[in-house]
């Protein structure tokens, strides 16, 4: 069997084990058995438990980013695609991916962030790439609404961070709930977030009422 194929088998087994049992509880013996290889072979390919976990994080992060960016029908389109449609497509791709790969999402969302460096840094890099994508969509929406960006750059960045954080929390809940489809999760977040963003684009802002 080619090395690349064998290595993917090991990563598949590792993601499943880390995702379901947690990094600390997962054992190399268990991963090797699930992959159908010997424990020494796992070490030969991936050197250590730490490097194996890092490889899992990198693979799952790259797959998630590719899924979200691959759903961007606005890139290179002959007819401009509205920003809300691009966001809708990206959210559906995000929730579909996290639902189809729950162990991979658990590795990224639950495990890597709690195990310290360098694991947390790997996830942070992935998250910033997705935040950058969402930031661009919000800025494009502001341009479409006003001809020029009317939202301050700092506010756009904050809105993108909030939207991504909400998506992450909703994905964790949807995976545990089990009965929530990717389309339903995406619609929930669009209803929650885009209605408010639409108000901002039209110059309507929420302000606290006087006491």
Protein backbone atom coordinates (compact mmCIF):
# COMPACT_ATOMS: atom_id res chain seq x y z
CA UNK A 1 0.00 0.00 0.00
CA UNK A 2 1.40 3.48 -0.89
CA UNK A 3 2.75 5.44 2.05
CA UNK A 4 0.34 8.34 1.48
CA UNK A 5 -2.68 6.02 1.60
CA UNK A 6 -1.41 4.25 4.72
CA UNK A 7 -0.78 7.58 6.40
CA UNK A 8 -4.33 8.75 5.67
CA UNK A 9 -5.64 5.54 7.24
CA UNK A 10 -3.66 6.34 10.37
CA UNK A 11 -4.95 9.91 10.41
CA UNK A 12 -8.53 8.69 9.96
CA UNK A 13 -8.11 6.39 12.96
CA UNK A 14 -6.41 9.11 14.99
CA UNK A 15 -9.09 11.72 14.29
CA UNK A 16 -11.79 9.28 15.30
CA UNK A 17 -9.97 8.34 18.51
CA UNK A 18 -8.96 11.87 19.50
CA UNK A 19 -12.41 13.20 18.64
CA UNK A 20 -14.29 10.60 20.67
CA UNK A 21 -11.92 9.96 23.57
CA UNK A 22 -9.96 13.19 23.85
CA UNK A 23 -6.27 13.81 23.39
CA UNK A 24 -5.19 12.75 26.87
CA UNK A 25 -7.23 9.54 26.98
CA UNK A 26 -6.39 8.43 23.43
CA UNK A 27 -3.63 5.84 23.18
CA UNK A 28 -1.31 5.01 20.31
CA UNK A 29 -2.18 1.34 20.77
CA UNK A 30 -5.85 2.09 20.19
CA UNK A 31 -5.09 4.22 17.13
CA UNK A 32 -2.85 1.57 15.63
CA UNK A 33 -5.45 -1.14 16.17
CA UNK A 34 -8.20 0.96 14.60
CA UNK A 35 -5.96 1.74 11.62
CA UNK A 36 -5.09 -1.93 11.21
CA UNK A 37 -1.35 -1.38 11.56
CA UNK A 38 1.31 -2.00 14.17
CA UNK A 39 2.11 0.61 16.79
CA UNK A 40 5.78 0.85 15.64
CA UNK A 41 4.53 1.68 12.14
CA UNK A 42 2.51 4.61 13.48
CA UNK A 43 5.62 5.94 15.20
CA UNK A 44 7.68 5.36 12.04
CA UNK A 45 5.29 7.48 9.99
CA UNK A 46 4.33 10.15 12.52
CA UNK A 47 7.06 10.03 15.19
CA UNK A 48 5.01 10.79 18.32
CA UNK A 49 1.53 11.27 19.70
CA UNK A 50 2.06 15.03 19.64
CA UNK A 51 3.05 15.05 15.97
CA UNK A 52 0.18 12.73 15.11
CA UNK A 53 -2.28 15.10 16.83
CA UNK A 54 -0.76 18.10 15.02
CA UNK A 55 -1.10 16.28 11.70
CA UNK A 56 -4.78 15.62 12.48
CA UNK A 57 -5.37 19.28 13.29
CA UNK A 58 -3.68 20.46 10.09
CA UNK A 59 -5.61 18.03 7.91
CA UNK A 60 -9.01 18.78 9.45
CA UNK A 61 -8.38 22.54 9.45
CA UNK A 62 -7.37 22.53 5.79
CA UNK A 63 -10.45 20.48 4.87
CA UNK A 64 -12.80 22.84 6.72
CA UNK A 65 -11.30 25.98 5.19
CA UNK A 66 -11.43 24.40 1.73
CA UNK A 67 -15.09 23.50 2.22
CA UNK A 68 -16.05 27.04 3.25
CA UNK A 69 -14.02 28.79 0.57
CA UNK A 70 -15.08 26.30 -2.06
CA UNK A 71 -18.69 27.29 -1.51
CA UNK A 72 -17.96 30.91 -2.47
CA UNK A 73 -19.86 31.16 -5.73
CA UNK A 74 -19.08 34.86 -5.92
CA UNK A 75 -15.42 34.35 -6.83
CA UNK A 76 -15.02 34.91 -10.55
CA UNK A 77 -18.76 34.82 -11.20
CA UNK A 78 -19.97 36.53 -14.40
CA UNK A 79 -22.99 37.90 -12.54
CA UNK A 80 -22.18 39.37 -9.09
CA UNK A 81 -23.47 37.18 -6.27
CA UNK A 82 -24.97 39.11 -3.34
CA UNK A 83 -22.88 38.98 -0.16
CA UNK A 84 -25.73 37.46 1.82
CA UNK A 85 -25.96 34.60 -0.69
CA UNK A 86 -22.20 34.05 -0.47
CA UNK A 87 -22.43 33.97 3.32
CA UNK A 88 -25.40 31.59 3.16
CA UNK A 89 -23.45 29.24 0.88
CA UNK A 90 -20.41 29.43 3.15
CA UNK A 91 -22.45 28.72 6.28
CA UNK A 92 -24.20 25.75 4.67
CA UNK A 93 -20.82 24.38 3.65
CA UNK A 94 -19.47 24.93 7.16
CA UNK A 95 -22.36 23.19 8.91
CA UNK A 96 -22.46 20.37 6.33
CA UNK A 97 -18.75 19.73 6.80
CA UNK A 98 -18.85 19.78 10.60
CA UNK A 99 -21.90 17.48 10.61
CA UNK A 100 -20.28 15.01 8.23
CA UNK A 101 -16.99 15.02 10.13
CA UNK A 102 -18.02 15.35 13.80
CA UNK A 103 -14.82 13.77 15.09
CA UNK A 104 -12.74 16.20 13.06
CA UNK A 105 -14.78 19.12 14.39
CA UNK A 106 -14.33 17.82 17.94
CA UNK A 107 -10.56 17.72 17.38
CA UNK A 108 -10.56 21.34 16.18
CA UNK A 109 -13.21 22.86 18.42
CA UNK A 110 -12.91 20.93 21.68
CA UNK A 111 -9.56 19.18 21.85
CA UNK A 112 -6.89 21.30 20.16
CA UNK A 113 -7.89 24.50 21.90
CA UNK A 114 -7.58 22.99 25.37
CA UNK A 115 -4.19 21.30 24.95
CA UNK A 116 -2.02 24.39 24.81
CA UNK A 117 0.61 25.31 22.26
CA UNK A 118 1.36 24.50 19.50
CA UNK A 119 -2.06 22.89 19.00
CA UNK A 120 -4.08 25.99 19.83
CA UNK A 121 -2.00 28.04 17.39
CA UNK A 122 -2.86 25.65 14.55
CA UNK A 123 -6.58 26.13 15.19
CA UNK A 124 -6.20 29.89 15.63
CA UNK A 125 -4.62 30.14 12.17
CA UNK A 126 -7.54 28.24 10.64
CA UNK A 127 -10.04 30.41 12.44
CA UNK A 128 -8.41 33.62 11.28
CA UNK A 129 -8.63 32.46 7.66
CA UNK A 130 -12.36 31.90 8.02
CA UNK A 131 -12.77 35.23 9.85
CA UNK A 132 -10.93 36.94 6.98
CA UNK A 133 -13.37 35.41 4.50
CA UNK A 134 -16.40 36.60 6.51
CA UNK A 135 -14.86 40.05 6.99
CA UNK A 136 -14.59 40.41 3.22
CA UNK A 137 -18.26 39.47 2.77
CA UNK A 138 -19.43 42.02 5.33
CA UNK A 139 -17.29 44.73 3.76
CA UNK A 140 -18.68 43.84 0.33
CA UNK A 141 -22.21 44.08 1.69
CA UNK A 142 -21.47 47.56 3.03
CA UNK A 143 -20.11 48.64 -0.35
CA UNK A 144 -23.17 47.22 -2.12
CA UNK A 145 -25.52 49.05 0.24
CA UNK A 146 -23.82 52.45 0.21
CA UNK A 147 -21.43 52.55 -2.73
CA UNK A 148 -18.59 53.01 -0.25
CA UNK A 149 -17.78 51.08 2.92
CA UNK A 150 -19.76 52.84 5.62
CA UNK A 151 -18.85 50.56 8.50
CA UNK A 152 -15.56 51.24 10.29
CA UNK A 153 -12.92 48.59 9.64
CA UNK A 154 -12.75 47.75 13.34
CA UNK A 155 -16.52 47.21 13.49
CA UNK A 156 -16.47 44.96 10.43
CA UNK A 157 -13.71 42.87 12.04
CA UNK A 158 -15.70 42.60 15.26
CA UNK A 159 -18.85 41.54 13.44
CA UNK A 160 -16.90 38.84 11.59
CA UNK A 161 -15.43 37.53 14.85
CA UNK A 162 -18.89 37.41 16.42
CA UNK A 163 -20.41 35.62 13.44
CA UNK A 164 -17.68 32.97 13.32
CA UNK A 165 -17.92 32.45 17.08
CA UNK A 166 -21.67 31.96 16.80
CA UNK A 167 -21.18 29.45 13.96
CA UNK A 168 -18.69 27.47 16.04
CA UNK A 169 -21.03 27.29 19.02
CA UNK A 170 -24.01 26.41 16.85
CA UNK A 171 -22.07 23.61 15.11
CA UNK A 172 -21.17 22.09 18.48
CA UNK A 173 -24.80 22.23 19.58
CA UNK A 174 -26.14 20.88 16.27
CA UNK A 175 -23.77 17.90 16.37
CA UNK A 176 -24.86 17.00 19.90
CA UNK A 177 -28.54 17.59 19.14
CA UNK A 178 -28.37 15.35 16.10
CA UNK A 179 -31.73 16.34 14.65
CA UNK A 180 -30.63 19.74 13.31
CA UNK A 181 -29.69 19.72 9.62
CA UNK A 182 -26.90 21.82 8.14
CA UNK A 183 -29.49 23.87 6.25
CA UNK A 184 -31.47 24.51 9.44
CA UNK A 185 -28.34 25.55 11.35
CA UNK A 186 -27.29 27.90 8.56
CA UNK A 187 -30.78 29.41 8.37
CA UNK A 188 -30.83 29.93 12.14
CA UNK A 189 -27.60 31.88 12.01
CA UNK A 190 -28.62 33.89 8.96
CA UNK A 191 -31.88 34.85 10.66
CA UNK A 192 -30.01 35.78 13.81
CA UNK A 193 -27.13 37.66 12.21
CA UNK A 194 -27.98 38.90 8.75
CA UNK A 195 -31.18 40.69 9.76
CA UNK A 196 -29.09 42.73 12.16
CA UNK A 197 -26.37 43.29 9.57
CA UNK A 198 -29.03 44.40 7.12
CA UNK A 199 -30.08 47.09 9.56
CA UNK A 200 -26.49 48.30 9.82
CA UNK A 201 -26.19 48.45 6.04
CA UNK A 202 -29.27 50.68 5.97
CA UNK A 203 -27.90 52.93 8.69
CA UNK A 204 -30.20 51.62 11.41
CA UNK A 205 -28.25 50.98 14.59
CA UNK A 206 -29.39 49.71 17.95
CA UNK A 207 -28.78 52.13 20.81
CA UNK A 208 -29.65 51.60 24.46
CA UNK A 209 -32.73 53.48 25.61
CA UNK A 210 -32.29 55.99 28.40
CA UNK A 211 -33.03 54.71 31.90
